[in-house]
Amino acid sequence: MSVEVHFSGPVFDGSVPRVLREAADDMGQTVAHRGVGVVRVELAKVVKHPTGRYSSSVQRESQGSRHKVHDGGMVYGPWLDGSGSRNKTTRFKGYAHWRRATQQLERSIPAVAREVLPRHLRRLQ
């Protein structure tokens, strides 16, 4: 008597790690893309006379699997946010728009996962 067993599917062909990496990257891109909008909205809530210069400098950047949202190194960015050294010596304590945007994005991560993951997990069936 002999028994032959054949294994097939995503668990056995090695595609699970690749699909999970792609899902994580997709989630990172989605959160970063939303992050640009969230920062701009938070900034628009507090700036009384916006010129659009700083808001337009807010951008997302991808470096491999890392995604970040930043202001392009604007010299007055830390002062606007309230995290610069000048905020300690002036009356202006900053808008804290980056902190609020980060908190809002962190709360949205489960919703992003519910949106993005099913597209990738379908490939594992």
PDB file of N, CA and C in Angstrom:
ATOM      1  N   MET A   1       0.838  -1.164   0.000  1.00  0.00           N
ATOM      2  CA  MET A   1       0.000   0.000   0.000  1.00  0.00           C
ATOM      3  C   MET A   1       0.895   1.243   0.000  1.00  0.00           C
ATOM      4  N   SER A   2       0.581   2.224  -0.840  1.00  0.00           N
ATOM      5  CA  SER A   2       1.340   3.468  -0.866  1.00  0.00           C
ATOM      6  C   SER A   2       0.368   4.642  -0.871  1.00  0.00           C
ATOM      7  N   VAL A   3       0.817   5.708  -0.288  1.00  0.00           N
ATOM      8  CA  VAL A   3      -0.010   6.916  -0.202  1.00  0.00           C
ATOM      9  C   VAL A   3       0.800   8.067  -0.785  1.00  0.00           C
ATOM     10  N   GLU A   4       0.151   8.822  -1.624  1.00  0.00           N
ATOM     11  CA  GLU A   4       0.787   9.988  -2.208  1.00  0.00           C
ATOM     12  C   GLU A   4       0.018  11.233  -1.767  1.00  0.00           C
ATOM     13  N   VAL A   5       0.732  12.189  -1.248  1.00  0.00           N
ATOM     14  CA  VAL A   5       0.098  13.427  -0.788  1.00  0.00           C
ATOM     15  C   VAL A   5       0.722  14.592  -1.560  1.00  0.00           C
ATOM     16  N   HIS A   6      -0.119  15.434  -2.110  1.00  0.00           N
ATOM     17  CA  HIS A   6       0.336  16.625  -2.836  1.00  0.00           C
ATOM     18  C   HIS A   6      -0.184  17.863  -2.112  1.00  0.00           C
ATOM     19  N   PHE A   7       0.715  18.765  -1.812  1.00  0.00           N
ATOM     20  CA  PHE A   7       0.328  20.014  -1.176  1.00  0.00           C
ATOM     21  C   PHE A   7       0.371  21.122  -2.216  1.00  0.00           C
ATOM     22  N   SER A   8      -0.629  21.978  -2.182  1.00  0.00           N
ATOM     23  CA  SER A   8      -0.641  23.122  -3.081  1.00  0.00           C
ATOM     24  C   SER A   8      -1.356  24.279  -2.406  1.00  0.00           C
ATOM     25  N   GLY A   9      -1.214  25.433  -2.970  1.00  0.00           N
ATOM     26  CA  GLY A   9      -1.877  26.615  -2.419  1.00  0.00           C
ATOM     27  C   GLY A   9      -0.866  27.616  -1.911  1.00  0.00           C
ATOM     28  N   PRO A  10      -1.339  28.758  -1.469  1.00  0.00           N
ATOM     29  CA  PRO A  10      -0.442  29.854  -1.095  1.00  0.00           C
ATOM     30  C   PRO A  10       0.454  29.550   0.105  1.00  0.00           C
ATOM     31  N   VAL A  11       0.002  28.696   1.015  1.00  0.00           N
ATOM     32  CA  VAL A  11       0.831  28.369   2.170  1.00  0.00           C
ATOM     33  C   VAL A  11       2.053  27.575   1.728  1.00  0.00           C
ATOM     34  N   PHE A  12       1.876  26.742   0.734  1.00  0.00           N
ATOM     35  CA  PHE A  12       2.950  25.841   0.319  1.00  0.00           C
ATOM     36  C   PHE A  12       3.798  26.384  -0.830  1.00  0.00           C
ATOM     37  N   ASP A  13       3.288  27.351  -1.582  1.00  0.00           N
ATOM     38  CA  ASP A  13       4.087  27.870  -2.695  1.00  0.00           C
ATOM     39  C   ASP A  13       4.886  29.122  -2.316  1.00  0.00           C
ATOM     40  N   GLY A  14       4.808  29.543  -1.052  1.00  0.00           N
ATOM     41  CA  GLY A  14       5.617  30.655  -0.578  1.00  0.00           C
ATOM     42  C   GLY A  14       5.050  32.033  -0.861  1.00  0.00           C
ATOM     43  N   SER A  15       3.801  32.125  -1.299  1.00  0.00           N
ATOM     44  CA  SER A  15       3.260  33.441  -1.642  1.00  0.00           C
ATOM     45  C   SER A  15       2.698  34.203  -0.439  1.00  0.00           C
ATOM     46  N   VAL A  16       2.506  33.543   0.702  1.00  0.00           N
ATOM     47  CA  VAL A  16       1.939  34.221   1.872  1.00  0.00           C
ATOM     48  C   VAL A  16       2.826  35.382   2.331  1.00  0.00           C
ATOM     49  N   PRO A  17       4.125  35.173   2.544  1.00  0.00           N
ATOM     50  CA  PRO A  17       4.951  36.309   2.984  1.00  0.00           C
ATOM     51  C   PRO A  17       4.931  37.470   1.991  1.00  0.00           C
ATOM     52  N   ARG A  18       4.960  37.175   0.701  1.00  0.00           N
ATOM     53  CA  ARG A  18       4.954  38.233  -0.320  1.00  0.00           C
ATOM     54  C   ARG A  18       3.648  39.017  -0.272  1.00  0.00           C
ATOM     55  N   VAL A  19       2.524  38.317  -0.180  1.00  0.00           N
ATOM     56  CA  VAL A  19       1.216  38.982  -0.138  1.00  0.00           C
ATOM     57  C   VAL A  19       1.095  39.829   1.123  1.00  0.00           C
ATOM     58  N   LEU A  20       1.577  39.324   2.256  1.00  0.00           N
ATOM     59  CA  LEU A  20       1.506  40.096   3.504  1.00  0.00           C
ATOM     60  C   LEU A  20       2.401  41.334   3.439  1.00  0.00           C
ATOM     61  N   ARG A  21       3.578  41.213   2.805  1.00  0.00           N
ATOM     62  CA  ARG A  21       4.448  42.398   2.628  1.00  0.00           C
ATOM     63  C   ARG A  21       3.760  43.443   1.757  1.00  0.00           C
ATOM     64  N   GLU A  22       3.128  42.977   0.672  1.00  0.00           N
ATOM     65  CA  GLU A  22       2.419  43.897  -0.217  1.00  0.00           C
ATOM     66  C   GLU A  22       1.239  44.551   0.486  1.00  0.00           C
ATOM     67  N   ALA A  23       0.544  43.803   1.336  1.00  0.00           N
ATOM     68  CA  ALA A  23      -0.583  44.363   2.091  1.00  0.00           C
ATOM     69  C   ALA A  23      -0.092  45.426   3.068  1.00  0.00           C
ATOM     70  N   ALA A  24       1.003  45.143   3.760  1.00  0.00           N
ATOM     71  CA  ALA A  24       1.553  46.120   4.702  1.00  0.00           C
ATOM     72  C   ALA A  24       2.006  47.381   3.974  1.00  0.00           C
ATOM     73  N   ASP A  25       2.628  47.215   2.819  1.00  0.00           N
ATOM     74  CA  ASP A  25       3.073  48.369   2.033  1.00  0.00           C
ATOM     75  C   ASP A  25       1.879  49.190   1.546  1.00  0.00           C
ATOM     76  N   ASP A  26       0.844  48.501   1.100  1.00  0.00           N
ATOM     77  CA  ASP A  26      -0.377  49.181   0.643  1.00  0.00           C
ATOM     78  C   ASP A  26      -1.013  49.962   1.790  1.00  0.00           C
ATOM     79  N   MET A  27      -1.042  49.353   2.975  1.00  0.00           N
ATOM     80  CA  MET A  27      -1.590  50.058   4.140  1.00  0.00           C
ATOM     81  C   MET A  27      -0.757  51.290   4.466  1.00  0.00           C
ATOM     82  N   GLY A  28       0.567  51.163   4.410  1.00  0.00           N
ATOM     83  CA  GLY A  28       1.440  52.304   4.682  1.00  0.00           C
ATOM     84  C   GLY A  28       1.228  53.433   3.691  1.00  0.00           C
ATOM     85  N   GLN A  29       1.108  53.092   2.416  1.00  0.00           N
ATOM     86  CA  GLN A  29       0.859  54.110   1.389  1.00  0.00           C
ATOM     87  C   GLN A  29      -0.488  54.791   1.616  1.00  0.00           C
ATOM     88  N   THR A  30      -1.500  54.010   1.962  1.00  0.00           N
ATOM     89  CA  THR A  30      -2.835  54.566   2.177  1.00  0.00           C
ATOM     90  C   THR A  30      -2.844  55.512   3.369  1.00  0.00           C
ATOM     91  N   VAL A  31      -2.212  55.105   4.466  1.00  0.00           N
ATOM     92  CA  VAL A  31      -2.159  55.963   5.657  1.00  0.00           C
ATOM     93  C   VAL A  31      -1.374  57.235   5.353  1.00  0.00           C
ATOM     94  N   ALA A  32      -0.257  57.131   4.646  1.00  0.00           N
ATOM     95  CA  ALA A  32       0.539  58.322   4.311  1.00  0.00           C
ATOM     96  C   ALA A  32      -0.241  59.260   3.403  1.00  0.00           C
ATOM     97  N   HIS A  33      -0.943  58.692   2.429  1.00  0.00           N
ATOM     98  CA  HIS A  33      -1.754  59.519   1.529  1.00  0.00           C
ATOM     99  C   HIS A  33      -2.828  60.273   2.312  1.00  0.00           C
ATOM    100  N   ARG A  34      -3.498  59.562   3.210  1.00  0.00           N
ATOM    101  CA  ARG A  34      -4.505  60.221   4.054  1.00  0.00           C
ATOM    102  C   ARG A  34      -3.860  61.234   4.988  1.00  0.00           C
ATOM    103  N   GLY A  35      -2.644  60.934   5.421  1.00  0.00           N
ATOM    104  CA  GLY A  35      -1.947  61.815   6.347  1.00  0.00           C
ATOM    105  C   GLY A  35      -1.727  63.208   5.793  1.00  0.00           C
ATOM    106  N   VAL A  36      -1.404  63.303   4.519  1.00  0.00           N
ATOM    107  CA  VAL A  36      -1.215  64.610   3.893  1.00  0.00           C
ATOM    108  C   VAL A  36      -2.496  65.429   4.027  1.00  0.00           C
ATOM    109  N   GLY A  37      -3.616  64.805   3.703  1.00  0.00           N
ATOM    110  CA  GLY A  37      -4.895  65.506   3.805  1.00  0.00           C
ATOM    111  C   GLY A  37      -5.245  65.889   5.225  1.00  0.00           C
ATOM    112  N   VAL A  38      -4.978  64.992   6.167  1.00  0.00           N
ATOM    113  CA  VAL A  38      -5.306  65.264   7.571  1.00  0.00           C
ATOM    114  C   VAL A  38      -4.478  66.428   8.095  1.00  0.00           C
ATOM    115  N   VAL A  39      -3.188  66.454   7.778  1.00  0.00           N
ATOM    116  CA  VAL A  39      -2.339  67.562   8.241  1.00  0.00           C
ATOM    117  C   VAL A  39      -2.838  68.878   7.658  1.00  0.00           C
ATOM    118  N   ARG A  40      -3.169  68.876   6.380  1.00  0.00           N
ATOM    119  CA  ARG A  40      -3.649  70.110   5.744  1.00  0.00           C
ATOM    120  C   ARG A  40      -4.968  70.571   6.354  1.00  0.00           C
ATOM    121  N   VAL A  41      -5.855  69.651   6.661  1.00  0.00           N
ATOM    122  CA  VAL A  41      -7.135  70.020   7.280  1.00  0.00           C
ATOM    123  C   VAL A  41      -6.901  70.582   8.673  1.00  0.00           C
ATOM    124  N   GLU A  42      -6.052  69.917   9.459  1.00  0.00           N
ATOM    125  CA  GLU A  42      -5.763  70.400  10.813  1.00  0.00           C
ATOM    126  C   GLU A  42      -5.131  71.788  10.770  1.00  0.00           C
ATOM    127  N   LEU A  43      -4.256  72.009   9.817  1.00  0.00           N
ATOM    128  CA  LEU A  43      -3.614  73.319   9.676  1.00  0.00           C
ATOM    129  C   LEU A  43      -4.644  74.378   9.279  1.00  0.00           C
ATOM    130  N   ALA A  44      -5.538  74.029   8.366  1.00  0.00           N
ATOM    131  CA  ALA A  44      -6.557  74.981   7.911  1.00  0.00           C
ATOM    132  C   ALA A  44      -7.502  75.384   9.042  1.00  0.00           C
ATOM    133  N   LYS A  45      -7.663  74.525  10.030  1.00  0.00           N
ATOM    134  CA  LYS A  45      -8.543  74.836  11.165  1.00  0.00           C
ATOM    135  C   LYS A  45      -7.991  75.956  12.037  1.00  0.00           C
ATOM    136  N   VAL A  46      -6.662  76.123  12.070  1.00  0.00           N
ATOM    137  CA  VAL A  46      -6.064  77.056  13.026  1.00  0.00           C
ATOM    138  C   VAL A  46      -5.415  78.287  12.400  1.00  0.00           C
ATOM    139  N   VAL A  47      -5.001  78.216  11.155  1.00  0.00           N
ATOM    140  CA  VAL A  47      -4.337  79.360  10.519  1.00  0.00           C
ATOM    141  C   VAL A  47      -5.394  80.383  10.107  1.00  0.00           C
ATOM    142  N   LYS A  48      -5.225  81.603  10.570  1.00  0.00           N
ATOM    143  CA  LYS A  48      -6.229  82.635  10.308  1.00  0.00           C
ATOM    144  C   LYS A  48      -6.106  83.255   8.920  1.00  0.00           C
ATOM    145  N   HIS A  49      -4.905  83.436   8.420  1.00  0.00           N
ATOM    146  CA  HIS A  49      -4.682  84.051   7.109  1.00  0.00           C
ATOM    147  C   HIS A  49      -3.720  83.175   6.297  1.00  0.00           C
ATOM    148  N   PRO A  50      -4.210  82.031   5.803  1.00  0.00           N
ATOM    149  CA  PRO A  50      -3.303  81.109   5.112  1.00  0.00           C
ATOM    150  C   PRO A  50      -2.871  81.630   3.743  1.00  0.00           C
ATOM    151  N   THR A  51      -1.603  81.431   3.441  1.00  0.00           N
ATOM    152  CA  THR A  51      -1.101  81.766   2.103  1.00  0.00           C
ATOM    153  C   THR A  51      -1.046  80.522   1.232  1.00  0.00           C
ATOM    154  N   GLY A  52      -1.047  79.357   1.863  1.00  0.00           N
ATOM    155  CA  GLY A  52      -0.962  78.104   1.133  1.00  0.00           C
ATOM    156  C   GLY A  52       0.452  77.605   0.951  1.00  0.00           C
ATOM    157  N   ARG A  53       1.430  78.436   1.273  1.00  0.00           N
ATOM    158  CA  ARG A  53       2.833  78.058   1.085  1.00  0.00           C
ATOM    159  C   ARG A  53       3.211  76.860   1.940  1.00  0.00           C
ATOM    160  N   TYR A  54       2.926  76.948   3.231  1.00  0.00           N
ATOM    161  CA  TYR A  54       3.298  75.838   4.117  1.00  0.00           C
ATOM    162  C   TYR A  54       2.448  74.610   3.827  1.00  0.00           C
ATOM    163  N   SER A  55       1.163  74.801   3.651  1.00  0.00           N
ATOM    164  CA  SER A  55       0.253  73.682   3.394  1.00  0.00           C
ATOM    165  C   SER A  55       0.664  72.916   2.138  1.00  0.00           C
ATOM    166  N   SER A  56       1.105  73.641   1.119  1.00  0.00           N
ATOM    167  CA  SER A  56       1.494  72.970  -0.122  1.00  0.00           C
ATOM    168  C   SER A  56       2.814  72.216   0.029  1.00  0.00           C
ATOM    169  N   SER A  57       3.582  72.520   1.064  1.00  0.00           N
ATOM    170  CA  SER A  57       4.846  71.816   1.267  1.00  0.00           C
ATOM    171  C   SER A  57       4.651  70.471   1.966  1.00  0.00           C
ATOM    172  N   VAL A  58       3.480  70.241   2.531  1.00  0.00           N
ATOM    173  CA  VAL A  58       3.209  68.962   3.199  1.00  0.00           C
ATOM    174  C   VAL A  58       3.075  67.889   2.126  1.00  0.00           C
ATOM    175  N   GLN A  59       3.886  66.856   2.244  1.00  0.00           N
ATOM    176  CA  GLN A  59       3.937  65.821   1.217  1.00  0.00           C
ATOM    177  C   GLN A  59       4.225  64.466   1.846  1.00  0.00           C
ATOM    178  N   ARG A  60       3.997  63.432   1.048  1.00  0.00           N
ATOM    179  CA  ARG A  60       4.345  62.086   1.519  1.00  0.00           C
ATOM    180  C   ARG A  60       5.530  61.599   0.722  1.00  0.00           C
ATOM    181  N   GLU A  61       6.275  60.733   1.351  1.00  0.00           N
ATOM    182  CA  GLU A  61       7.477  60.204   0.718  1.00  0.00           C
ATOM    183  C   GLU A  61       7.599  58.726   1.058  1.00  0.00           C
ATOM    184  N   SER A  62       7.944  57.929   0.065  1.00  0.00           N
ATOM    185  CA  SER A  62       8.139  56.499   0.275  1.00  0.00           C
ATOM    186  C   SER A  62       9.604  56.169   0.080  1.00  0.00           C
ATOM    187  N   GLN A  63      10.149  55.429   1.022  1.00  0.00           N
ATOM    188  CA  GLN A  63      11.522  54.938   0.929  1.00  0.00           C
ATOM    189  C   GLN A  63      11.461  53.442   1.191  1.00  0.00           C
ATOM    190  N   GLY A  64      11.322  52.677   0.142  1.00  0.00           N
ATOM    191  CA  GLY A  64      11.145  51.239   0.295  1.00  0.00           C
ATOM    192  C   GLY A  64       9.800  50.946   0.922  1.00  0.00           C
ATOM    193  N   SER A  65       9.816  50.270   2.056  1.00  0.00           N
ATOM    194  CA  SER A  65       8.560  49.943   2.728  1.00  0.00           C
ATOM    195  C   SER A  65       8.191  50.986   3.783  1.00  0.00           C
ATOM    196  N   ARG A  66       8.976  52.046   3.888  1.00  0.00           N
ATOM    197  CA  ARG A  66       8.699  53.105   4.869  1.00  0.00           C
ATOM    198  C   ARG A  66       8.022  54.275   4.164  1.00  0.00           C
ATOM    199  N   HIS A  67       7.003  54.795   4.793  1.00  0.00           N
ATOM    200  CA  HIS A  67       6.251  55.918   4.241  1.00  0.00           C
ATOM    201  C   HIS A  67       6.190  56.995   5.310  1.00  0.00           C
ATOM    202  N   LYS A  68       6.418  58.222   4.901  1.00  0.00           N
ATOM    203  CA  LYS A  68       6.338  59.298   5.877  1.00  0.00           C
ATOM    204  C   LYS A  68       5.696  60.526   5.259  1.00  0.00           C
ATOM    205  N   VAL A  69       5.138  61.333   6.125  1.00  0.00           N
ATOM    206  CA  VAL A  69       4.535  62.606   5.744  1.00  0.00           C
ATOM    207  C   VAL A  69       5.385  63.683   6.411  1.00  0.00           C
ATOM    208  N   HIS A  70       5.775  64.702   5.653  1.00  0.00           N
ATOM    209  CA  HIS A  70       6.625  65.752   6.203  1.00  0.00           C
ATOM    210  C   HIS A  70       6.352  67.070   5.487  1.00  0.00           C
ATOM    211  N   ASP A  71       6.982  68.122   5.986  1.00  0.00           N
ATOM    212  CA  ASP A  71       6.767  69.455   5.404  1.00  0.00           C
ATOM    213  C   ASP A  71       7.915  69.876   4.493  1.00  0.00           C
ATOM    214  N   GLY A  72       8.713  68.928   4.060  1.00  0.00           N
ATOM    215  CA  GLY A  72       9.797  69.247   3.142  1.00  0.00           C
ATOM    216  C   GLY A  72      10.928  70.034   3.782  1.00  0.00           C
ATOM    217  N   GLY A  73      10.986  70.037   5.110  1.00  0.00           N
ATOM    218  CA  GLY A  73      12.057  70.747   5.797  1.00  0.00           C
ATOM    219  C   GLY A  73      11.870  72.250   5.870  1.00  0.00           C
ATOM    220  N   MET A  74      10.624  72.702   5.783  1.00  0.00           N
ATOM    221  CA  MET A  74      10.367  74.140   5.880  1.00  0.00           C
ATOM    222  C   MET A  74      10.975  74.673   7.176  1.00  0.00           C
ATOM    223  N   VAL A  75      11.716  75.748   7.075  1.00  0.00           N
ATOM    224  CA  VAL A  75      12.479  76.254   8.207  1.00  0.00           C
ATOM    225  C   VAL A  75      11.562  76.707   9.358  1.00  0.00           C
ATOM    226  N   TYR A  76      10.375  77.166   9.054  1.00  0.00           N
ATOM    227  CA  TYR A  76       9.475  77.619  10.118  1.00  0.00           C
ATOM    228  C   TYR A  76       8.452  76.556  10.510  1.00  0.00           C
ATOM    229  N   GLY A  77       8.583  75.345   9.994  1.00  0.00           N
ATOM    230  CA  GLY A  77       7.670  74.255  10.326  1.00  0.00           C
ATOM    231  C   GLY A  77       7.619  73.933  11.809  1.00  0.00           C
ATOM    232  N   PRO A  78       8.769  73.735  12.471  1.00  0.00           N
ATOM    233  CA  PRO A  78       8.731  73.447  13.912  1.00  0.00           C
ATOM    234  C   PRO A  78       8.114  74.592  14.724  1.00  0.00           C
ATOM    235  N   TRP A  79       8.356  75.829  14.306  1.00  0.00           N
ATOM    236  CA  TRP A  79       7.775  76.974  15.014  1.00  0.00           C
ATOM    237  C   TRP A  79       6.256  76.960  14.882  1.00  0.00           C
ATOM    238  N   LEU A  80       5.743  76.704  13.655  1.00  0.00           N
ATOM    239  CA  LEU A  80       4.293  76.637  13.464  1.00  0.00           C
ATOM    240  C   LEU A  80       3.670  75.538  14.315  1.00  0.00           C
ATOM    241  N   ASP A  81       4.366  74.421  14.415  1.00  0.00           N
ATOM    242  CA  ASP A  81       3.841  73.286  15.165  1.00  0.00           C
ATOM    243  C   ASP A  81       3.956  73.488  16.674  1.00  0.00           C
ATOM    244  N   GLY A  82       4.913  74.292  17.093  1.00  0.00           N
ATOM    245  CA  GLY A  82       5.114  74.501  18.523  1.00  0.00           C
ATOM    246  C   GLY A  82       6.213  73.643  19.088  1.00  0.00           C
ATOM    247  N   SER A  83       6.966  72.981  18.231  1.00  0.00           N
ATOM    248  CA  SER A  83       8.040  72.103  18.708  1.00  0.00           C
ATOM    249  C   SER A  83       9.427  72.713  18.501  1.00  0.00           C
ATOM    250  N   GLY A  84       9.483  73.954  18.051  1.00  0.00           N
ATOM    251  CA  GLY A  84      10.763  74.608  17.807  1.00  0.00           C
ATOM    252  C   GLY A  84      11.308  75.296  19.052  1.00  0.00           C
ATOM    253  N   SER A  85      12.579  75.591  19.032  1.00  0.00           N
ATOM    254  CA  SER A  85      13.211  76.243  20.186  1.00  0.00           C
ATOM    255  C   SER A  85      12.685  77.664  20.373  1.00  0.00           C
ATOM    256  N   ARG A  86      12.246  78.311  19.301  1.00  0.00           N
ATOM    257  CA  ARG A  86      11.731  79.687  19.406  1.00  0.00           C
ATOM    258  C   ARG A  86      10.421  79.759  20.178  1.00  0.00           C
ATOM    259  N   ASN A  87       9.660  78.658  20.196  1.00  0.00           N
ATOM    260  CA  ASN A  87       8.374  78.682  20.892  1.00  0.00           C
ATOM    261  C   ASN A  87       8.538  78.859  22.403  1.00  0.00           C
ATOM    262  N   LYS A  88       9.700  78.524  22.914  1.00  0.00           N
ATOM    263  CA  LYS A  88       9.944  78.681  24.354  1.00  0.00           C
ATOM    264  C   LYS A  88      10.136  80.148  24.728  1.00  0.00           C
ATOM    265  N   THR A  89      10.600  80.952  23.763  1.00  0.00           N
ATOM    266  CA  THR A  89      10.926  82.344  24.070  1.00  0.00           C
ATOM    267  C   THR A  89       9.914  83.351  23.534  1.00  0.00           C
ATOM    268  N   THR A  90       8.926  82.877  22.790  1.00  0.00           N
ATOM    269  CA  THR A  90       7.917  83.798  22.255  1.00  0.00           C
ATOM    270  C   THR A  90       6.545  83.448  22.820  1.00  0.00           C
ATOM    271  N   ARG A  91       5.599  84.347  22.617  1.00  0.00           N
ATOM    272  CA  ARG A  91       4.228  84.102  23.081  1.00  0.00           C
ATOM    273  C   ARG A  91       3.546  83.004  22.284  1.00  0.00           C
ATOM    274  N   PHE A  92       3.922  82.848  21.036  1.00  0.00           N
ATOM    275  CA  PHE A  92       3.280  81.870  20.169  1.00  0.00           C
ATOM    276  C   PHE A  92       3.746  80.462  20.546  1.00  0.00           C
ATOM    277  N   LYS A  93       2.824  79.642  20.976  1.00  0.00           N
ATOM    278  CA  LYS A  93       3.154  78.291  21.437  1.00  0.00           C
ATOM    279  C   LYS A  93       2.909  77.223  20.377  1.00  0.00           C
ATOM    280  N   GLY A  94       2.464  77.605  19.201  1.00  0.00           N
ATOM    281  CA  GLY A  94       2.315  76.663  18.100  1.00  0.00           C
ATOM    282  C   GLY A  94       0.898  76.145  17.955  1.00  0.00           C
ATOM    283  N   TYR A  95       0.648  75.525  16.811  1.00  0.00           N
ATOM    284  CA  TYR A  95      -0.682  75.018  16.487  1.00  0.00           C
ATOM    285  C   TYR A  95      -0.868  73.546  16.834  1.00  0.00           C
ATOM    286  N   ALA A  96       0.202  72.804  17.013  1.00  0.00           N
ATOM    287  CA  ALA A  96       0.161  71.374  17.333  1.00  0.00           C
ATOM    288  C   ALA A  96      -0.608  70.574  16.284  1.00  0.00           C
ATOM    289  N   HIS A  97      -0.562  71.037  15.030  1.00  0.00           N
ATOM    290  CA  HIS A  97      -1.306  70.356  13.973  1.00  0.00           C
ATOM    291  C   HIS A  97      -0.724  68.976  13.652  1.00  0.00           C
ATOM    292  N   TRP A  98       0.587  68.791  13.796  1.00  0.00           N
ATOM    293  CA  TRP A  98       1.178  67.475  13.527  1.00  0.00           C
ATOM    294  C   TRP A  98       0.749  66.461  14.579  1.00  0.00           C
ATOM    295  N   ARG A  99       0.714  66.887  15.841  1.00  0.00           N
ATOM    296  CA  ARG A  99       0.297  65.975  16.917  1.00  0.00           C
ATOM    297  C   ARG A  99      -1.142  65.538  16.721  1.00  0.00           C
ATOM    298  N   ARG A 100      -2.018  66.479  16.438  1.00  0.00           N
ATOM    299  CA  ARG A 100      -3.440  66.137  16.238  1.00  0.00           C
ATOM    300  C   ARG A 100      -3.618  65.257  15.004  1.00  0.00           C
ATOM    301  N   ALA A 101      -2.885  65.544  13.943  1.00  0.00           N
ATOM    302  CA  ALA A 101      -2.988  64.728  12.730  1.00  0.00           C
ATOM    303  C   ALA A 101      -2.496  63.308  13.000  1.00  0.00           C
ATOM    304  N   THR A 102      -1.413  63.176  13.744  1.00  0.00           N
ATOM    305  CA  THR A 102      -0.885  61.845  14.081  1.00  0.00           C
ATOM    306  C   THR A 102      -1.899  61.062  14.896  1.00  0.00           C
ATOM    307  N   GLN A 103      -2.506  61.704  15.885  1.00  0.00           N
ATOM    308  CA  GLN A 103      -3.507  61.023  16.711  1.00  0.00           C
ATOM    309  C   GLN A 103      -4.699  60.582  15.864  1.00  0.00           C
ATOM    310  N   GLN A 104      -5.137  61.433  14.979  1.00  0.00           N
ATOM    311  CA  GLN A 104      -6.271  61.097  14.112  1.00  0.00           C
ATOM    312  C   GLN A 104      -5.922  59.928  13.189  1.00  0.00           C
ATOM    313  N   LEU A 105      -4.726  59.942  12.623  1.00  0.00           N
ATOM    314  CA  LEU A 105      -4.302  58.851  11.737  1.00  0.00           C
ATOM    315  C   LEU A 105      -4.177  57.534  12.491  1.00  0.00           C
ATOM    316  N   GLU A 106      -3.649  57.586  13.706  1.00  0.00           N
ATOM    317  CA  GLU A 106      -3.525  56.358  14.500  1.00  0.00           C
ATOM    318  C   GLU A 106      -4.900  55.750  14.769  1.00  0.00           C
ATOM    319  N   ARG A 107      -5.885  56.594  15.009  1.00  0.00           N
ATOM    320  CA  ARG A 107      -7.243  56.079  15.225  1.00  0.00           C
ATOM    321  C   ARG A 107      -7.843  55.501  13.952  1.00  0.00           C
ATOM    322  N   SER A 108      -7.378  55.943  12.781  1.00  0.00           N
ATOM    323  CA  SER A 108      -7.953  55.476  11.520  1.00  0.00           C
ATOM    324  C   SER A 108      -7.317  54.194  10.993  1.00  0.00           C
ATOM    325  N   ILE A 109      -6.244  53.730  11.607  1.00  0.00           N
ATOM    326  CA  ILE A 109      -5.536  52.551  11.094  1.00  0.00           C
ATOM    327  C   ILE A 109      -6.425  51.309  11.037  1.00  0.00           C
ATOM    328  N   PRO A 110      -7.248  51.012  12.049  1.00  0.00           N
ATOM    329  CA  PRO A 110      -8.125  49.835  11.904  1.00  0.00           C
ATOM    330  C   PRO A 110      -9.069  49.938  10.697  1.00  0.00           C
ATOM    331  N   ALA A 111      -9.575  51.119  10.415  1.00  0.00           N
ATOM    332  CA  ALA A 111     -10.456  51.296   9.254  1.00  0.00           C
ATOM    333  C   ALA A 111      -9.677  51.096   7.955  1.00  0.00           C
ATOM    334  N   VAL A 112      -8.435  51.569   7.909  1.00  0.00           N
ATOM    335  CA  VAL A 112      -7.601  51.363   6.723  1.00  0.00           C
ATOM    336  C   VAL A 112      -7.348  49.872   6.533  1.00  0.00           C
ATOM    337  N   ALA A 113      -7.072  49.170   7.620  1.00  0.00           N
ATOM    338  CA  ALA A 113      -6.833  47.723   7.523  1.00  0.00           C
ATOM    339  C   ALA A 113      -8.074  47.001   7.006  1.00  0.00           C
ATOM    340  N   ARG A 114      -9.248  47.400   7.490  1.00  0.00           N
ATOM    341  CA  ARG A 114     -10.497  46.770   7.012  1.00  0.00           C
ATOM    342  C   ARG A 114     -10.726  47.051   5.534  1.00  0.00           C
ATOM    343  N   GLU A 115     -10.235  48.165   5.060  1.00  0.00           N
ATOM    344  CA  GLU A 115     -10.397  48.525   3.648  1.00  0.00           C
ATOM    345  C   GLU A 115      -9.374  47.823   2.753  1.00  0.00           C
ATOM    346  N   VAL A 116      -8.125  47.771   3.194  1.00  0.00           N
ATOM    347  CA  VAL A 116      -7.025  47.311   2.346  1.00  0.00           C
ATOM    348  C   VAL A 116      -6.822  45.791   2.409  1.00  0.00           C
ATOM    349  N   LEU A 117      -6.865  45.213   3.593  1.00  0.00           N
ATOM    350  CA  LEU A 117      -6.519  43.797   3.742  1.00  0.00           C
ATOM    351  C   LEU A 117      -7.365  42.836   2.912  1.00  0.00           C
ATOM    352  N   PRO A 118      -8.684  43.006   2.826  1.00  0.00           N
ATOM    353  CA  PRO A 118      -9.469  42.043   2.041  1.00  0.00           C
ATOM    354  C   PRO A 118      -9.001  41.909   0.590  1.00  0.00           C
ATOM    355  N   ARG A 119      -8.547  42.997  -0.011  1.00  0.00           N
ATOM    356  CA  ARG A 119      -8.054  42.928  -1.398  1.00  0.00           C
ATOM    357  C   ARG A 119      -6.874  41.978  -1.523  1.00  0.00           C
ATOM    358  N   HIS A 120      -6.010  41.998  -0.531  1.00  0.00           N
ATOM    359  CA  HIS A 120      -4.814  41.161  -0.578  1.00  0.00           C
ATOM    360  C   HIS A 120      -5.108  39.736  -0.106  1.00  0.00           C
ATOM    361  N   LEU A 121      -5.938  39.594   0.906  1.00  0.00           N
ATOM    362  CA  LEU A 121      -6.219  38.263   1.441  1.00  0.00           C
ATOM    363  C   LEU A 121      -6.996  37.407   0.445  1.00  0.00           C
ATOM    364  N   ARG A 122      -7.764  38.041  -0.444  1.00  0.00           N
ATOM    365  CA  ARG A 122      -8.462  37.277  -1.484  1.00  0.00           C
ATOM    366  C   ARG A 122      -7.494  36.503  -2.360  1.00  0.00           C
ATOM    367  N   ARG A 123      -6.298  37.037  -2.511  1.00  0.00           N
ATOM    368  CA  ARG A 123      -5.297  36.365  -3.350  1.00  0.00           C
ATOM    369  C   ARG A 123      -4.770  35.085  -2.697  1.00  0.00           C
ATOM    370  N   LEU A 124      -5.035  34.901  -1.416  1.00  0.00           N
ATOM    371  CA  LEU A 124      -4.541  33.716  -0.713  1.00  0.00           C
ATOM    372  C   LEU A 124      -5.534  32.561  -0.703  1.00  0.00           C
ATOM    373  N   GLN A 125      -6.662  32.730  -1.319  1.00  0.00           N
ATOM    374  CA  GLN A 125      -7.676  31.669  -1.306  1.00  0.00           C
ATOM    375  C   GLN A 125      -7.440  30.665  -2.402  1.00  0.00           C
TER     376      GLN A 125
END
